[in-house]
Amino acid sequence: MQHKNLPRILQYIKDAEVFNLSKLDHHLAFPKGTLSKAVSGGKSLSDNQISKLTWLFNALGINYQAHAPQH
């Protein structure tokens, strides 16, 4: 189910249900639980955090922008 205010990259992570959020937090140097809270809609990511996450996905060739949100 799509969360109305979730950025597309976080919606992709939420819908995919395959990412280890704690490892992503670690590799992006985010505080523990940051992505879990963001994906659940509990706390937004800063612009800098979104930028880091976007950079990582682009570097890995993960095309989250082509993702059609599930309803």
C-alpha atoms as a PDB file:
ATOM      1  CA  MET A   1       0.000   0.000   0.000  1.00  0.00           C
ATOM      2  CA  GLN A   2       1.382   3.385  -0.967  1.00  0.00           C
ATOM      3  CA  HIS A   3       2.038   5.947   1.739  1.00  0.00           C
ATOM      4  CA  LYS A   4       0.972   9.339   0.354  1.00  0.00           C
ATOM      5  CA  ASN A   5       4.010  11.377   1.412  1.00  0.00           C
ATOM      6  CA  LEU A   6       6.707   8.726   1.018  1.00  0.00           C
ATOM      7  CA  PRO A   7       9.418   9.651  -1.512  1.00  0.00           C
ATOM      8  CA  ARG A   8       9.490   7.253  -4.473  1.00  0.00           C
ATOM      9  CA  ILE A   9      12.802   5.687  -3.406  1.00  0.00           C
ATOM     10  CA  LEU A  10      11.407   4.835   0.044  1.00  0.00           C
ATOM     11  CA  GLN A  11       8.189   3.502  -1.487  1.00  0.00           C
ATOM     12  CA  TYR A  12      10.346   1.274  -3.704  1.00  0.00           C
ATOM     13  CA  ILE A  13      12.223  -0.066  -0.666  1.00  0.00           C
ATOM     14  CA  LYS A  14       8.969  -0.648   1.212  1.00  0.00           C
ATOM     15  CA  ASP A  15       7.246  -2.433  -1.691  1.00  0.00           C
ATOM     16  CA  ALA A  16      10.290  -4.565  -2.577  1.00  0.00           C
ATOM     17  CA  GLU A  17      10.539  -6.025   0.951  1.00  0.00           C
ATOM     18  CA  VAL A  18      13.986  -7.457   0.137  1.00  0.00           C
ATOM     19  CA  PHE A  19      16.361  -4.845   1.507  1.00  0.00           C
ATOM     20  CA  ASN A  20      18.191  -5.294   4.798  1.00  0.00           C
ATOM     21  CA  LEU A  21      17.450  -1.865   6.225  1.00  0.00           C
ATOM     22  CA  SER A  22      19.969  -2.145   9.052  1.00  0.00           C
ATOM     23  CA  LYS A  23      22.768  -2.896   6.559  1.00  0.00           C
ATOM     24  CA  LEU A  24      21.698   0.034   4.387  1.00  0.00           C
ATOM     25  CA  ASP A  25      21.719   2.263   7.493  1.00  0.00           C
ATOM     26  CA  HIS A  26      25.223   1.035   8.307  1.00  0.00           C
ATOM     27  CA  HIS A  27      26.669   1.480   4.800  1.00  0.00           C
ATOM     28  CA  LEU A  28      25.129   4.937   4.443  1.00  0.00           C
ATOM     29  CA  ALA A  29      26.318   5.967   7.946  1.00  0.00           C
ATOM     30  CA  PHE A  30      22.739   6.616   9.072  1.00  0.00           C
ATOM     31  CA  PRO A  31      21.791   6.227  12.733  1.00  0.00           C
ATOM     32  CA  LYS A  32      20.431   2.767  13.531  1.00  0.00           C
ATOM     33  CA  GLY A  33      16.759   2.416  12.572  1.00  0.00           C
ATOM     34  CA  THR A  34      16.668   5.473  10.295  1.00  0.00           C
ATOM     35  CA  LEU A  35      15.427   3.707   7.163  1.00  0.00           C
ATOM     36  CA  SER A  36      12.992   1.523   9.069  1.00  0.00           C
ATOM     37  CA  LYS A  37      11.370   4.611  10.582  1.00  0.00           C
ATOM     38  CA  ALA A  38      11.345   6.406   7.223  1.00  0.00           C
ATOM     39  CA  VAL A  39       9.822   3.474   5.315  1.00  0.00           C
ATOM     40  CA  SER A  40       7.085   3.074   7.924  1.00  0.00           C
ATOM     41  CA  GLY A  41       6.295   6.790   7.635  1.00  0.00           C
ATOM     42  CA  GLY A  42       7.399   7.491  11.200  1.00  0.00           C
ATOM     43  CA  LYS A  43      10.220   9.923  10.474  1.00  0.00           C
ATOM     44  CA  SER A  44      11.247  11.626   7.245  1.00  0.00           C
ATOM     45  CA  LEU A  45      14.744  11.469   5.838  1.00  0.00           C
ATOM     46  CA  SER A  46      16.698  14.682   5.453  1.00  0.00           C
ATOM     47  CA  ASP A  47      17.501  15.913   1.948  1.00  0.00           C
ATOM     48  CA  ASN A  48      21.110  14.815   2.519  1.00  0.00           C
ATOM     49  CA  GLN A  49      20.005  11.303   3.511  1.00  0.00           C
ATOM     50  CA  ILE A  50      17.746  11.023   0.443  1.00  0.00           C
ATOM     51  CA  SER A  51      20.681  12.191  -1.676  1.00  0.00           C
ATOM     52  CA  LYS A  52      23.000   9.526  -0.190  1.00  0.00           C
ATOM     53  CA  LEU A  53      20.395   6.806  -0.690  1.00  0.00           C
ATOM     54  CA  THR A  54      19.766   7.920  -4.272  1.00  0.00           C
ATOM     55  CA  TRP A  55      23.514   7.963  -4.974  1.00  0.00           C
ATOM     56  CA  LEU A  56      23.874   4.403  -3.653  1.00  0.00           C
ATOM     57  CA  PHE A  57      20.968   3.081  -5.722  1.00  0.00           C
ATOM     58  CA  ASN A  58      22.315   4.791  -8.851  1.00  0.00           C
ATOM     59  CA  ALA A  59      25.824   3.419  -8.191  1.00  0.00           C
ATOM     60  CA  LEU A  60      24.378  -0.095  -7.871  1.00  0.00           C
ATOM     61  CA  GLY A  61      22.205   0.308 -10.975  1.00  0.00           C
ATOM     62  CA  ILE A  62      18.931  -0.023  -9.051  1.00  0.00           C
ATOM     63  CA  ASN A  63      16.265   1.769 -11.091  1.00  0.00           C
ATOM     64  CA  TYR A  64      13.725   2.669  -8.426  1.00  0.00           C
ATOM     65  CA  GLN A  65      12.215   5.393 -10.642  1.00  0.00           C
ATOM     66  CA  ALA A  66      10.726   2.817 -13.007  1.00  0.00           C
ATOM     67  CA  HIS A  67       8.888   1.271 -10.054  1.00  0.00           C
ATOM     68  CA  ALA A  68       5.110   1.454 -10.251  1.00  0.00           C
ATOM     69  CA  PRO A  69       3.796   1.815  -6.685  1.00  0.00           C
ATOM     70  CA  GLN A  70       1.502  -0.965  -5.510  1.00  0.00           C
ATOM     71  CA  HIS A  71      -1.986   0.069  -4.460  1.00  0.00           C
END
